[in-house]
Amino acid sequence: MNESTNAKATPFAQTYFHGTKADLKIGESIDIAFRSNFAEGKKAKFIFLTATLDAAIWGAELAFGEGRQRIYLVEPTGPIEDDPDLTDKKFAGNPTQSYRSIHPFRVVGEVAHWQGHALEQVQAMKEGLEKLKAQGITSLNE
């Protein structure tokens, strides 16, 4: 009998996406000590990941900075929780599958080819976020 047929199956770890403009390498960690993607000039209190490519694309497109937009495949190293900015009554049930953590994420790969949103959509999203900011509506993650 072949030894490999007796070996127990090893489950894969759930992999998530992280959209950013940071230039990272496989094996590096993303942690809360890094500059925030969304609060210019601040250190991140939480780091974010998502199980959907679309939400990661938004993260890359809306991130501060001048770097190239990137989407990494990441594995959390500790507990994650729903991102409260995206799971209020308006988006009950976390349809974007967006989460946050104070524990590092390990970069396990990068999505090389992806299609961003139309420039008009990105501009409309940025304008909407600026309107909320002007109304004093800020992130629950700050």
Protein backbone atom coordinates (compact mmCIF):
# COMPACT_ATOMS: atom_id res chain seq x y z
CA MET A 1 0.00 0.00 0.00
CA ASN A 2 1.29 3.45 -0.88
CA GLU A 3 2.07 5.64 2.12
CA SER A 4 0.51 8.71 0.52
CA THR A 5 -2.92 7.04 0.40
CA ASN A 6 -2.85 6.64 4.18
CA ALA A 7 -1.82 10.23 4.87
CA LYS A 8 -4.53 12.50 6.24
CA ALA A 9 -5.66 15.33 4.04
CA THR A 10 -4.27 18.69 5.04
CA PRO A 11 -6.86 21.48 4.79
CA PHE A 12 -5.88 24.70 3.09
CA ALA A 13 -6.00 27.87 5.14
CA GLN A 14 -8.69 30.34 4.05
CA THR A 15 -7.03 32.91 1.85
CA TYR A 16 -8.36 36.46 1.63
CA PHE A 17 -7.58 39.54 -0.44
CA HIS A 18 -5.99 42.83 0.65
CA GLY A 19 -6.09 45.82 -1.74
CA THR A 20 -3.41 48.48 -1.30
CA LYS A 21 -0.71 50.54 -2.99
CA ALA A 22 2.05 49.10 -0.80
CA ASP A 23 4.83 47.12 -2.49
CA LEU A 24 5.05 43.87 -0.51
CA LYS A 25 6.80 40.54 -0.97
CA ILE A 26 5.48 37.02 -0.42
CA GLY A 27 6.13 36.03 3.18
CA GLU A 28 5.98 39.60 4.52
CA SER A 29 3.45 40.58 7.15
CA ILE A 30 0.98 43.43 7.05
CA ASP A 31 0.33 44.82 10.51
CA ILE A 32 -1.20 47.79 12.29
CA ALA A 33 2.17 49.57 12.48
CA PHE A 34 1.93 50.40 8.76
CA ARG A 35 0.58 53.66 7.35
CA SER A 36 -3.19 53.49 6.92
CA ASN A 37 -4.55 52.99 3.39
CA PHE A 38 -7.45 55.32 4.13
CA ALA A 39 -6.52 57.82 6.86
CA GLU A 40 -3.75 59.88 5.34
CA GLY A 41 -0.79 60.40 7.64
CA LYS A 42 -2.09 58.02 10.32
CA LYS A 43 -0.98 54.61 11.48
CA ALA A 44 -3.59 51.92 10.96
CA LYS A 45 -5.55 50.85 14.07
CA PHE A 46 -6.86 47.85 12.15
CA ILE A 47 -5.88 46.06 8.99
CA PHE A 48 -8.46 44.87 6.51
CA LEU A 49 -9.09 41.89 4.31
CA THR A 50 -11.95 40.58 2.24
CA ALA A 51 -13.11 37.31 0.74
CA THR A 52 -14.25 39.06 -2.46
CA LEU A 53 -12.03 40.31 -5.24
CA ASP A 54 -14.37 43.26 -5.91
CA ALA A 55 -13.96 44.64 -2.38
CA ALA A 56 -10.17 44.24 -2.65
CA ILE A 57 -10.22 46.15 -5.94
CA TRP A 58 -12.03 49.01 -4.19
CA GLY A 59 -9.39 48.90 -1.44
CA ALA A 60 -6.59 49.23 -3.99
CA GLU A 61 -8.36 51.98 -5.93
CA LEU A 62 -9.23 54.08 -2.88
CA ALA A 63 -5.94 53.69 -0.99
CA PHE A 64 -3.86 56.81 -0.38
CA GLY A 65 -0.51 57.09 -2.06
CA GLU A 66 1.05 57.17 -5.46
CA GLY A 67 2.17 53.54 -5.72
CA ARG A 68 0.80 50.96 -8.11
CA GLN A 69 -2.53 49.46 -7.10
CA ARG A 70 -2.00 45.91 -5.88
CA ILE A 71 -4.10 43.06 -4.58
CA TYR A 72 -2.43 40.53 -2.34
CA LEU A 73 -3.60 37.13 -1.19
CA VAL A 74 -3.26 37.09 2.58
CA GLU A 75 -3.81 34.75 5.51
CA PRO A 76 -4.74 36.16 8.92
CA THR A 77 -2.50 35.12 11.82
CA GLY A 78 -5.16 35.77 14.46
CA PRO A 79 -8.88 36.42 14.86
CA ILE A 80 -10.77 38.59 12.36
CA GLU A 81 -14.11 40.36 12.80
CA ASP A 82 -16.66 42.01 10.51
CA ASP A 83 -15.64 45.51 9.37
CA PRO A 84 -18.26 47.71 11.11
CA ASP A 85 -18.08 50.33 8.33
CA LEU A 86 -19.50 47.79 5.91
CA THR A 87 -21.83 45.75 8.10
CA ASP A 88 -24.32 48.24 9.48
CA LYS A 89 -28.07 48.10 8.77
CA LYS A 90 -27.46 49.26 5.20
CA PHE A 91 -25.35 46.17 4.47
CA ALA A 92 -26.72 43.59 6.89
CA GLY A 93 -24.98 40.24 6.76
CA ASN A 94 -21.61 41.50 5.46
CA PRO A 95 -22.25 40.99 1.70
CA THR A 96 -18.77 42.33 0.86
CA GLN A 97 -17.25 39.75 3.20
CA SER A 98 -15.00 42.51 4.59
CA TYR A 99 -13.17 41.99 7.86
CA ARG A 100 -10.66 43.69 10.11
CA SER A 101 -8.06 42.60 12.65
CA ILE A 102 -5.34 43.87 14.93
CA HIS A 103 -3.32 40.74 14.14
CA PRO A 104 -0.92 40.61 11.18
CA PHE A 105 -1.75 39.13 7.80
CA ARG A 106 0.85 37.04 5.98
CA VAL A 107 1.22 37.78 2.26
CA VAL A 108 0.98 34.46 0.41
CA GLY A 109 0.60 35.71 -3.17
CA GLU A 110 -0.44 38.54 -5.45
CA VAL A 111 -3.26 38.73 -7.97
CA ALA A 112 -1.38 39.58 -11.15
CA HIS A 113 -4.33 40.35 -13.45
CA TRP A 114 -7.53 42.06 -12.42
CA GLN A 115 -9.94 44.58 -13.90
CA GLY A 116 -10.50 47.81 -11.98
CA HIS A 117 -13.75 49.75 -11.82
CA ALA A 118 -14.56 52.39 -14.43
CA LEU A 119 -12.90 55.74 -13.67
CA GLU A 120 -16.36 57.31 -13.33
CA GLN A 121 -17.29 54.77 -10.63
CA VAL A 122 -14.08 55.41 -8.72
CA GLN A 123 -14.57 59.18 -8.92
CA ALA A 124 -18.19 58.85 -7.75
CA MET A 125 -17.08 56.69 -4.81
CA LYS A 126 -14.39 59.20 -3.83
CA GLU A 127 -16.89 62.07 -4.05
CA GLY A 128 -19.36 60.12 -1.91
CA LEU A 129 -16.71 59.50 0.73
CA GLU A 130 -15.78 63.21 0.73
CA LYS A 131 -19.46 64.15 1.25
CA LEU A 132 -19.68 61.81 4.23
CA LYS A 133 -16.49 63.32 5.65
CA ALA A 134 -17.89 66.85 5.20
CA GLN A 135 -21.02 65.77 7.10
CA GLY A 136 -18.85 64.56 9.97
CA ILE A 137 -19.52 60.90 9.25
CA THR A 138 -16.26 59.13 9.83
CA SER A 139 -15.05 55.59 9.93
CA LEU A 140 -15.79 53.34 12.89
CA ASN A 141 -12.27 52.02 12.41
CA GLU A 142 -10.42 55.17 13.49
